[in-house]
Amino acid sequence: MKKYLIGVDIGGNKIKAGLVSNGKVIKRFSVNTEPERGEKAVIEKMLKAVSRVFTNDVSGIGVGSPGPIDYKKGNIIGPKNIPLKNFNIKRILKKKFNVPVFLDNDANCFAFGEAVYGAGKKYDIVVGLTLGTGVGGGIVINKKIFHGRLNAGEFGHISIKHDGIKCKCGNFGCIEEYASERGIMRLAKGIKAENPLDIYELALKGNKEALEVFEKTGFYLGVAITNIIAAFDPEIIVVGGGISGSWNFFSKSMKETIKKRSFVNKNPIIVKSRRKDAAILGAASLVRI
């Protein structure tokens, strides 16, 4: 009996693949996505990542991709941060590796991994929020991903300012334009820094301007999360992604904003993810659905 699963996490910065056994990643490989090189290069990198962890004992592959997607057909419809448009990932992986393939939104996979193996495993209604190249979200109810018609949980495109910055999606004032990597760099205008990690390192040194960037980021996140609470009233919200590494600098203003704005009797638990492989585990777990 085949005993392994593979989980793949396609991100704007990196493509990660992991060989999973009994809820643990026992082998992993990652490669830079380099979306500027185009669709063919990204596909080749994805196949390389899977190949590096594949064995003959693999029973299936689960893939998490930025949305929008059609998880039923296995189509990546047209993410804003990677050059895959109307691409059937299920077909190409099945042809290459001859095992069943399942697709879902990358943030759904993160939320699923947290709901099954992480901070949300004791709760029935779990929301995941990922902060990185973009802002993603996922909803898991009773250990099942809630898809709506297809693409529920696209929290990155909650508008927190109706006449705000124009987002890549075409809407205005999306939280993604305020709390993603590019949002943080926009807030950091005037600070000598090349990326959010530089801002983080300045904050560690007590730099006032850097600390203000994260305080504002927390405020914007708090506004968006207040909307999420009003819509879904989850028991727990788990925050992950690269930007979550700055949790100590933005979580206070985020929670203060939620406390001031939310009208529910009891706000959900809000925590930083402690599972670095949550998205891979969630993707691999798609194979069991």
Protein backbone atom coordinates (compact mmCIF):
# COMPACT_ATOMS: atom_id res chain seq x y z
CA MET A 1 0.00 0.00 0.00
CA LYS A 2 1.33 3.42 -0.97
CA LYS A 3 2.00 5.41 2.18
CA TYR A 4 3.14 8.89 1.17
CA LEU A 5 1.49 12.09 -0.01
CA ILE A 6 2.97 15.17 -1.64
CA GLY A 7 1.93 18.71 -0.84
CA VAL A 8 2.89 21.62 -3.08
CA ASP A 9 2.66 25.29 -2.14
CA ILE A 10 2.95 27.68 -5.10
CA GLY A 11 3.80 31.17 -3.93
CA GLY A 12 4.82 34.42 -5.56
CA ASN A 13 8.34 34.05 -4.15
CA LYS A 14 8.87 30.31 -3.76
CA ILE A 15 7.44 26.98 -4.85
CA LYS A 16 7.66 24.45 -2.03
CA ALA A 17 7.05 20.71 -2.19
CA GLY A 18 7.01 18.26 0.67
CA LEU A 19 6.79 14.50 1.05
CA VAL A 20 4.26 13.83 3.80
CA SER A 21 3.77 10.80 6.01
CA ASN A 22 1.37 10.62 8.97
CA GLY A 23 0.95 14.37 9.14
CA LYS A 24 4.67 15.16 9.02
CA VAL A 25 6.85 16.53 6.23
CA ILE A 26 9.74 14.08 5.96
CA LYS A 27 11.40 15.56 2.88
CA ARG A 28 11.11 19.02 1.36
CA PHE A 29 12.40 21.03 -1.55
CA SER A 30 11.87 24.66 -2.52
CA VAL A 31 12.81 26.78 -5.50
CA ASN A 32 12.43 30.47 -6.30
CA THR A 33 9.28 31.07 -8.36
CA GLU A 34 10.71 33.91 -10.48
CA PRO A 35 7.34 34.81 -12.03
CA GLU A 36 9.00 37.42 -14.25
CA ARG A 37 10.44 34.56 -16.32
CA GLY A 38 6.97 33.56 -17.50
CA GLU A 39 4.62 30.59 -17.47
CA LYS A 40 6.93 27.96 -18.94
CA ALA A 41 9.68 28.65 -16.41
CA VAL A 42 7.25 28.52 -13.47
CA ILE A 43 5.82 25.19 -14.68
CA GLU A 44 9.31 23.74 -15.02
CA LYS A 45 10.19 24.83 -11.51
CA MET A 46 7.02 23.29 -10.12
CA LEU A 47 7.73 19.97 -11.84
CA LYS A 48 11.31 20.09 -10.55
CA ALA A 49 10.13 20.66 -6.98
CA VAL A 50 7.71 17.72 -7.11
CA SER A 51 10.32 15.48 -8.76
CA ARG A 52 12.79 16.13 -5.94
CA VAL A 53 10.44 14.71 -3.30
CA PHE A 54 8.55 12.10 -5.37
CA THR A 55 8.88 8.37 -4.67
CA ASN A 56 7.09 5.34 -6.06
CA ASP A 57 5.19 5.06 -2.78
CA VAL A 58 3.29 8.34 -3.32
CA SER A 59 -0.49 7.88 -3.50
CA GLY A 60 -1.39 11.41 -4.61
CA ILE A 61 -0.39 15.07 -4.96
CA GLY A 62 -2.18 18.07 -3.53
CA VAL A 63 -1.41 21.57 -4.80
CA GLY A 64 -2.11 24.96 -3.28
CA SER A 65 -2.11 27.87 -5.75
CA PRO A 66 -3.01 31.55 -5.53
CA GLY A 67 -6.52 32.19 -6.79
CA PRO A 68 -8.75 32.49 -8.55
CA ILE A 69 -8.90 28.77 -9.30
CA ASP A 70 -11.44 26.12 -10.21
CA TYR A 71 -10.59 23.42 -7.69
CA LYS A 72 -13.14 21.01 -9.16
CA LYS A 73 -11.56 21.00 -12.64
CA GLY A 74 -7.99 21.57 -11.51
CA ASN A 75 -7.66 24.91 -13.32
CA ILE A 76 -5.54 27.82 -12.19
CA ILE A 77 -7.61 30.62 -13.69
CA GLY A 78 -5.42 33.69 -13.42
CA PRO A 79 -3.57 34.70 -10.24
CA LYS A 80 -2.24 38.26 -10.10
CA ASN A 81 1.19 37.34 -8.74
CA ILE A 82 2.17 34.34 -10.89
CA PRO A 83 1.94 33.94 -14.71
CA LEU A 84 -0.36 30.91 -14.87
CA LYS A 85 -3.60 31.63 -16.71
CA ASN A 86 -6.29 29.07 -17.54
CA PHE A 87 -3.73 26.39 -16.73
CA ASN A 88 -4.85 22.85 -15.86
CA ILE A 89 -2.30 21.81 -13.28
CA LYS A 90 -4.13 18.58 -12.54
CA ARG A 91 -3.63 17.32 -16.08
CA ILE A 92 0.09 18.07 -16.33
CA LEU A 93 0.99 16.60 -12.94
CA LYS A 94 -1.10 13.49 -13.47
CA LYS A 95 0.54 12.93 -16.85
CA LYS A 96 4.03 13.39 -15.39
CA PHE A 97 3.68 11.37 -12.17
CA ASN A 98 0.69 9.07 -12.84
CA VAL A 99 -1.03 9.63 -9.47
CA PRO A 100 -4.26 11.43 -8.52
CA VAL A 101 -3.87 15.23 -8.28
CA PHE A 102 -5.97 17.71 -6.29
CA LEU A 103 -5.93 21.51 -6.42
CA ASP A 104 -7.07 24.19 -4.01
CA ASN A 105 -6.33 27.78 -3.12
CA ASP A 106 -2.97 28.15 -1.36
CA ALA A 107 -4.47 30.04 1.58
CA ASN A 108 -7.22 27.40 1.85
CA CYS A 109 -4.45 24.83 2.16
CA PHE A 110 -2.78 26.88 4.88
CA ALA A 111 -6.07 27.17 6.78
CA PHE A 112 -6.75 23.46 6.27
CA GLY A 113 -3.30 22.53 7.57
CA GLU A 114 -3.81 24.69 10.65
CA ALA A 115 -7.32 23.29 11.21
CA VAL A 116 -6.16 19.68 11.04
CA TYR A 117 -2.61 19.79 12.43
CA GLY A 118 -2.02 23.25 13.90
CA ALA A 119 -3.47 25.94 16.13
CA GLY A 120 -7.03 25.28 14.94
CA LYS A 121 -7.18 21.53 15.48
CA LYS A 122 -9.40 21.85 18.59
CA TYR A 123 -11.88 24.19 16.87
CA ASP A 124 -14.73 23.74 14.41
CA ILE A 125 -14.67 27.14 12.67
CA VAL A 126 -11.17 28.19 11.63
CA VAL A 127 -10.04 31.10 9.47
CA GLY A 128 -6.53 31.30 8.06
CA LEU A 129 -4.96 34.54 6.88
CA THR A 130 -1.68 34.61 4.95
CA LEU A 131 0.47 37.71 4.61
CA GLY A 132 3.16 37.65 1.95
CA THR A 133 3.44 38.65 -1.70
CA GLY A 134 -0.32 39.04 -1.46
CA VAL A 135 -2.90 38.54 1.27
CA GLY A 136 -4.85 35.30 1.21
CA GLY A 137 -7.49 33.64 3.32
CA GLY A 138 -9.26 30.37 3.93
CA ILE A 139 -12.25 29.11 5.90
CA VAL A 140 -12.47 25.61 7.38
CA ILE A 141 -15.70 24.44 8.97
CA ASN A 142 -15.78 21.07 10.74
CA LYS A 143 -12.47 20.12 9.08
CA LYS A 144 -13.79 20.86 5.58
CA ILE A 145 -12.74 23.76 3.38
CA PHE A 146 -15.59 26.16 2.70
CA HIS A 147 -15.43 27.14 -0.99
CA GLY A 148 -18.66 29.03 -1.52
CA ARG A 149 -19.32 28.57 -5.23
CA LEU A 150 -15.58 28.30 -5.96
CA ASN A 151 -13.46 31.05 -4.40
CA ALA A 152 -14.68 31.92 -0.92
CA GLY A 153 -12.10 33.32 1.48
CA GLU A 154 -10.37 35.78 -0.84
CA PHE A 155 -9.87 38.05 2.13
CA GLY A 156 -7.02 39.92 0.47
CA HIS A 157 -9.64 41.67 -1.62
CA ILE A 158 -11.77 42.93 1.23
CA SER A 159 -11.90 46.65 0.59
CA ILE A 160 -11.02 48.68 3.68
CA LYS A 161 -11.21 52.01 1.81
CA HIS A 162 -13.69 52.38 -1.04
CA ASP A 163 -11.63 55.08 -2.78
CA GLY A 164 -8.23 53.73 -1.75
CA ILE A 165 -5.28 52.42 -3.71
CA LYS A 166 -6.18 50.54 -6.87
CA CYS A 167 -5.47 46.83 -6.46
CA LYS A 168 -4.18 44.43 -9.12
CA CYS A 169 -7.62 42.79 -9.02
CA GLY A 170 -9.24 46.02 -10.28
CA ASN A 171 -10.93 46.94 -7.01
CA PHE A 172 -9.92 49.85 -4.79
CA GLY A 173 -8.64 49.83 -1.22
CA CYS A 174 -8.09 46.07 -0.90
CA ILE A 175 -6.26 45.02 2.26
CA GLU A 176 -3.68 43.39 -0.03
CA GLU A 177 -2.51 46.87 -1.01
CA TYR A 178 -1.91 47.76 2.64
CA ALA A 179 -0.66 44.62 4.40
CA SER A 180 1.19 42.61 1.74
CA GLU A 181 4.90 43.01 0.95
CA ARG A 182 4.20 45.83 -1.50
CA GLY A 183 1.79 47.44 0.93
CA ILE A 184 4.44 47.52 3.64
CA MET A 185 7.02 48.96 1.25
CA ARG A 186 4.52 51.64 0.26
CA LEU A 187 4.04 52.53 3.92
CA ALA A 188 7.82 52.58 4.31
CA LYS A 189 8.34 55.22 1.63
CA GLY A 190 11.27 57.39 2.67
CA ILE A 191 12.92 54.66 4.75
CA LYS A 192 16.15 53.26 3.35
CA ALA A 193 15.08 49.65 2.82
CA GLU A 194 14.75 47.22 -0.08
CA ASN A 195 12.21 44.79 1.35
CA PRO A 196 10.02 44.13 4.42
CA LEU A 197 12.83 42.17 6.07
CA ASP A 198 14.91 45.36 6.10
CA ILE A 199 12.00 47.16 7.77
CA TYR A 200 11.74 44.35 10.30
CA GLU A 201 15.43 44.54 11.13
CA LEU A 202 15.17 48.30 11.61
CA ALA A 203 12.20 47.77 13.92
CA LEU A 204 14.28 45.33 15.97
CA LYS A 205 16.77 48.16 16.48
CA GLY A 206 14.00 50.46 17.67
CA ASN A 207 13.79 52.58 14.53
CA LYS A 208 10.75 54.83 15.06
CA GLU A 209 9.73 55.02 11.39
CA ALA A 210 9.93 51.23 10.97
CA LEU A 211 7.87 50.67 14.11
CA GLU A 212 5.24 53.08 12.77
CA VAL A 213 5.05 51.10 9.52
CA PHE A 214 4.10 47.94 11.39
CA GLU A 215 1.73 49.83 13.69
CA LYS A 216 -0.14 51.08 10.60
CA THR A 217 -0.04 47.62 9.07
CA GLY A 218 -1.66 46.25 12.23
CA PHE A 219 -4.36 48.90 12.10
CA TYR A 220 -5.25 48.05 8.49
CA LEU A 221 -5.27 44.34 9.29
CA GLY A 222 -7.51 45.01 12.26
CA VAL A 223 -10.04 46.76 10.02
CA ALA A 224 -10.06 43.83 7.58
CA ILE A 225 -10.26 41.19 10.31
CA THR A 226 -13.19 43.01 11.89
CA ASN A 227 -15.03 42.47 8.60
CA ILE A 228 -14.06 38.79 8.58
CA ILE A 229 -15.38 38.38 12.13
CA ALA A 230 -18.68 40.06 11.18
CA ALA A 231 -19.08 37.70 8.22
CA PHE A 232 -17.98 34.36 9.71
CA ASP A 233 -17.68 34.72 13.51
CA PRO A 234 -14.90 32.10 13.66
CA GLU A 235 -13.56 30.54 16.82
CA ILE A 236 -9.94 31.14 15.86
CA ILE A 237 -8.01 33.10 13.24
CA VAL A 238 -4.50 31.89 12.45
CA VAL A 239 -2.13 34.33 10.76
CA GLY A 240 0.77 33.04 8.65
CA GLY A 241 2.98 33.95 5.71
CA GLY A 242 6.31 35.76 5.65
CA ILE A 243 4.97 39.03 7.04
CA SER A 244 3.67 37.21 10.13
CA GLY A 245 7.29 37.07 11.27
CA SER A 246 6.77 40.71 12.30
CA TRP A 247 3.90 39.68 14.60
CA ASN A 248 5.45 41.31 17.66
CA PHE A 249 5.39 44.68 15.90
CA PHE A 250 1.91 44.69 14.35
CA SER A 251 -0.26 42.41 16.52
CA LYS A 252 -0.87 44.96 19.29
CA SER A 253 -2.36 47.64 17.02
CA MET A 254 -4.23 44.93 15.08
CA LYS A 255 -5.91 43.55 18.20
CA GLU A 256 -6.64 47.02 19.58
CA THR A 257 -8.35 47.97 16.33
CA ILE A 258 -10.46 44.79 16.36
CA LYS A 259 -11.46 45.39 19.98
CA LYS A 260 -12.62 48.92 19.13
CA ARG A 261 -14.47 48.03 15.93
CA SER A 262 -15.93 44.55 16.37
CA PHE A 263 -19.47 44.36 17.71
CA VAL A 264 -19.61 40.63 18.57
CA ASN A 265 -19.88 39.66 22.23
CA LYS A 266 -16.62 37.75 22.18
CA ASN A 267 -13.91 38.13 19.58
CA PRO A 268 -12.15 35.00 18.29
CA ILE A 269 -8.73 33.87 19.37
CA ILE A 270 -6.15 35.39 17.00
CA VAL A 271 -2.72 33.77 16.88
CA LYS A 272 0.40 33.56 14.77
CA SER A 273 0.98 30.26 13.02
CA ARG A 274 3.66 28.04 14.52
CA ARG A 275 3.54 25.45 11.72
CA LYS A 276 6.01 26.39 9.01
CA ASP A 277 4.66 23.54 6.85
CA ALA A 278 0.94 24.23 7.35
CA ALA A 279 0.30 24.96 3.65
CA ILE A 280 2.16 21.84 2.51
CA LEU A 281 0.34 19.65 5.04
CA GLY A 282 -2.99 21.16 4.03
CA ALA A 283 -2.25 20.61 0.34
CA ALA A 284 -1.24 17.00 0.96
CA SER A 285 -4.41 16.46 2.97
CA LEU A 286 -6.49 17.35 -0.10
CA VAL A 287 -5.66 13.86 -1.37
CA ARG A 288 -7.73 12.36 1.44
CA ILE A 289 -10.87 14.35 0.57
